[in-house]
C-alpha atoms as a PDB file:
ATOM      1  CA  MET A   1     -23.052   2.149  23.500  1.00  0.00           C
ATOM      2  CA  ASP A   2     -23.060   0.832  26.998  1.00  0.00           C
ATOM      3  CA  ARG A   3     -22.612  -2.618  25.285  1.00  0.00           C
ATOM      4  CA  ALA A   4     -19.562  -1.725  23.621  1.00  0.00           C
ATOM      5  CA  ARG A   5     -18.028   0.119  26.740  1.00  0.00           C
ATOM      6  CA  GLU A   6     -18.908  -3.416  28.548  1.00  0.00           C
ATOM      7  CA  LEU A   7     -17.315  -5.401  25.768  1.00  0.00           C
ATOM      8  CA  THR A   8     -14.144  -3.302  25.961  1.00  0.00           C
ATOM      9  CA  GLY A   9     -13.973  -3.231  29.497  1.00  0.00           C
ATOM     10  CA  LEU A  10     -13.936   0.667  29.918  1.00  0.00           C
ATOM     11  CA  PRO A  11     -15.175   2.047  33.111  1.00  0.00           C
ATOM     12  CA  SER A  12     -17.581   4.796  31.455  1.00  0.00           C
ATOM     13  CA  ARG A  13     -19.142   5.972  28.330  1.00  0.00           C
ATOM     14  CA  SER A  14     -16.873   8.726  28.375  1.00  0.00           C
ATOM     15  CA  ALA A  15     -13.841   6.394  28.555  1.00  0.00           C
ATOM     16  CA  PHE A  16     -15.049   4.451  25.600  1.00  0.00           C
ATOM     17  CA  ILE A  17     -15.642   7.776  23.617  1.00  0.00           C
ATOM     18  CA  ARG A  18     -12.194   9.003  24.389  1.00  0.00           C
ATOM     19  CA  GLN A  19     -10.650   5.851  23.462  1.00  0.00           C
ATOM     20  CA  ALA A  20     -12.596   5.576  20.262  1.00  0.00           C
ATOM     21  CA  ALA A  21     -11.541   8.991  19.518  1.00  0.00           C
ATOM     22  CA  LEU A  22      -7.794   8.313  20.163  1.00  0.00           C
ATOM     23  CA  ASP A  23      -7.863   5.034  18.312  1.00  0.00           C
ATOM     24  CA  ARG A  24      -9.156   6.903  15.254  1.00  0.00           C
ATOM     25  CA  LEU A  25      -6.673   9.862  15.592  1.00  0.00           C
ATOM     26  CA  LYS A  26      -3.733   7.095  15.618  1.00  0.00           C
ATOM     27  CA  GLU A  27      -5.265   5.250  12.640  1.00  0.00           C
ATOM     28  CA  ILE A  28      -5.135   8.715  10.731  1.00  0.00           C
ATOM     29  CA  GLU A  29      -1.686   9.653  11.882  1.00  0.00           C
ATOM     30  CA  GLU A  30      -0.619   6.170  10.613  1.00  0.00           C
ATOM     31  CA  THR A  31      -2.129   6.353   7.095  1.00  0.00           C
ATOM     32  CA  GLY A  32       0.116   7.670   4.581  1.00  0.00           C
ATOM     33  CA  VAL A  33      -0.750   9.827   1.538  1.00  0.00           C
ATOM     34  CA  LEU A  34      -0.023   8.346  -1.526  1.00  0.00           C
ATOM     35  CA  VAL A  35       1.110  10.575  -4.455  1.00  0.00           C
ATOM     36  CA  LEU A  36       1.012   9.031  -7.849  1.00  0.00           C
ATOM     37  CA  GLN A  37       2.882  10.389 -10.715  1.00  0.00           C
ATOM     38  CA  ASP A  38       1.593  10.368 -14.357  1.00  0.00           C
ATOM     39  CA  VAL A  39       3.964   8.051 -16.361  1.00  0.00           C
ATOM     40  CA  SER A  40       3.569   6.151 -19.538  1.00  0.00           C
ATOM     41  CA  GLU A  41       3.815   2.401 -19.587  1.00  0.00           C
ATOM     42  CA  ARG A  42       7.502   2.519 -21.081  1.00  0.00           C
ATOM     43  CA  GLU A  43       8.623   5.083 -18.239  1.00  0.00           C
ATOM     44  CA  ALA A  44       6.719   2.536 -15.452  1.00  0.00           C
ATOM     45  CA  MET A  45       8.652  -0.288 -17.051  1.00  0.00           C
ATOM     46  CA  HIS A  46      12.035   1.645 -16.689  1.00  0.00           C
ATOM     47  CA  LEU A  47      11.279   2.735 -13.166  1.00  0.00           C
ATOM     48  CA  ILE A  48      10.258  -0.765 -12.254  1.00  0.00           C
ATOM     49  CA  LYS A  49      13.112  -2.457 -13.854  1.00  0.00           C
ATOM     50  CA  ASP A  50      15.625  -0.089 -11.865  1.00  0.00           C
ATOM     51  CA  TYR A  51      13.942  -0.700  -8.421  1.00  0.00           C
ATOM     52  CA  LEU A  52      14.061  -4.583  -9.110  1.00  0.00           C
ATOM     53  CA  ALA A  53      17.752  -4.062  -9.706  1.00  0.00           C
ATOM     54  CA  LYS A  54      18.356  -2.081  -6.790  1.00  0.00           C
ATOM     55  CA  HIS A  55      16.097  -4.131  -4.322  1.00  0.00           C
ATOM     56  CA  PRO A  56      16.413  -7.897  -5.589  1.00  0.00           C
ATOM     57  CA  GLY A  57      13.667 -10.378  -4.250  1.00  0.00           C
ATOM     58  CA  GLN A  58      10.112 -10.852  -4.653  1.00  0.00           C
ATOM     59  CA  HIS A  59       7.685  -7.663  -4.795  1.00  0.00           C
ATOM     60  CA  TYR A  60       4.086  -7.307  -5.169  1.00  0.00           C
ATOM     61  CA  VAL A  61       3.084  -5.051  -7.843  1.00  0.00           C
ATOM     62  CA  SER A  62       0.909  -3.004  -5.346  1.00  0.00           C
ATOM     63  CA  ASP A  63       4.249  -2.416  -3.226  1.00  0.00           C
ATOM     64  CA  LEU A  64       5.797  -1.045  -6.399  1.00  0.00           C
ATOM     65  CA  VAL A  65       2.693   1.431  -6.797  1.00  0.00           C
ATOM     66  CA  GLU A  66       3.356   2.552  -3.337  1.00  0.00           C
ATOM     67  CA  GLU A  67       7.163   2.676  -3.586  1.00  0.00           C
ATOM     68  CA  LEU A  68       7.138   4.389  -7.051  1.00  0.00           C
ATOM     69  CA  GLY A  69       4.091   6.353  -7.161  1.00  0.00           C
ATOM     70  CA  ILE A  70       2.976   4.639 -10.229  1.00  0.00           C
ATOM     71  CA  GLU A  71      -0.740   4.453 -11.222  1.00  0.00           C
ATOM     72  CA  PRO A  72      -2.041   0.905 -10.383  1.00  0.00           C
ATOM     73  CA  LYS A  73      -3.237   0.375 -13.861  1.00  0.00           C
ATOM     74  CA  VAL A  74      -0.038   1.457 -15.677  1.00  0.00           C
ATOM     75  CA  ALA A  75       2.292  -0.285 -12.906  1.00  0.00           C
ATOM     76  CA  PHE A  76       0.239  -3.682 -13.669  1.00  0.00           C
ATOM     77  CA  ALA A  77       0.624  -3.543 -17.411  1.00  0.00           C
ATOM     78  CA  ALA A  78       4.176  -2.567 -17.160  1.00  0.00           C
ATOM     79  CA  ALA A  79       4.843  -5.439 -14.773  1.00  0.00           C
ATOM     80  CA  GLN A  80       3.109  -7.752 -17.121  1.00  0.00           C
ATOM     81  CA  LYS A  81       5.239  -6.558 -20.315  1.00  0.00           C
ATOM     82  CA  LEU A  82       8.352  -6.994 -18.211  1.00  0.00           C
ATOM     83  CA  ILE A  83       7.283 -10.550 -17.179  1.00  0.00           C
ATOM     84  CA  ASP A  84       6.240 -11.221 -21.052  1.00  0.00           C
ATOM     85  CA  ASP A  85       9.612  -9.999 -22.203  1.00  0.00           C
ATOM     86  CA  GLY A  86      11.377 -12.264 -19.736  1.00  0.00           C
ATOM     87  CA  ARG A  87      12.735  -9.203 -17.784  1.00  0.00           C
ATOM     88  CA  ALA A  88      11.142 -10.009 -14.558  1.00  0.00           C
ATOM     89  CA  LYS A  89       9.595 -13.142 -13.305  1.00  0.00           C
ATOM     90  CA  LEU A  90       5.890 -14.125 -11.936  1.00  0.00           C
ATOM     91  CA  GLY A  91       6.401 -15.443  -8.414  1.00  0.00           C
ATOM     92  CA  ARG A  92       3.633 -17.665  -6.724  1.00  0.00           C
ATOM     93  CA  LEU A  93       3.481 -18.353  -3.108  1.00  0.00           C
END
């Protein structure tokens, strides 16, 4: 603990512990809770298609999972189906 305190430049072990607790609390407060809804692949396709129409541009499927609350497995399958059907494009960086 003394080494960690020295590396951070804090004046005491107590200050180090206090700062660590405050940093952890801030991390917890900034972490959102993701609520996923149970939708079929077909419903997910509609949700994604509507979202893309309202929010043009490049989107990652993981962002759609968060924005729309779709289970990741279903979201990836729905996105792939939209790409296969030509209703969405696969982007490369």
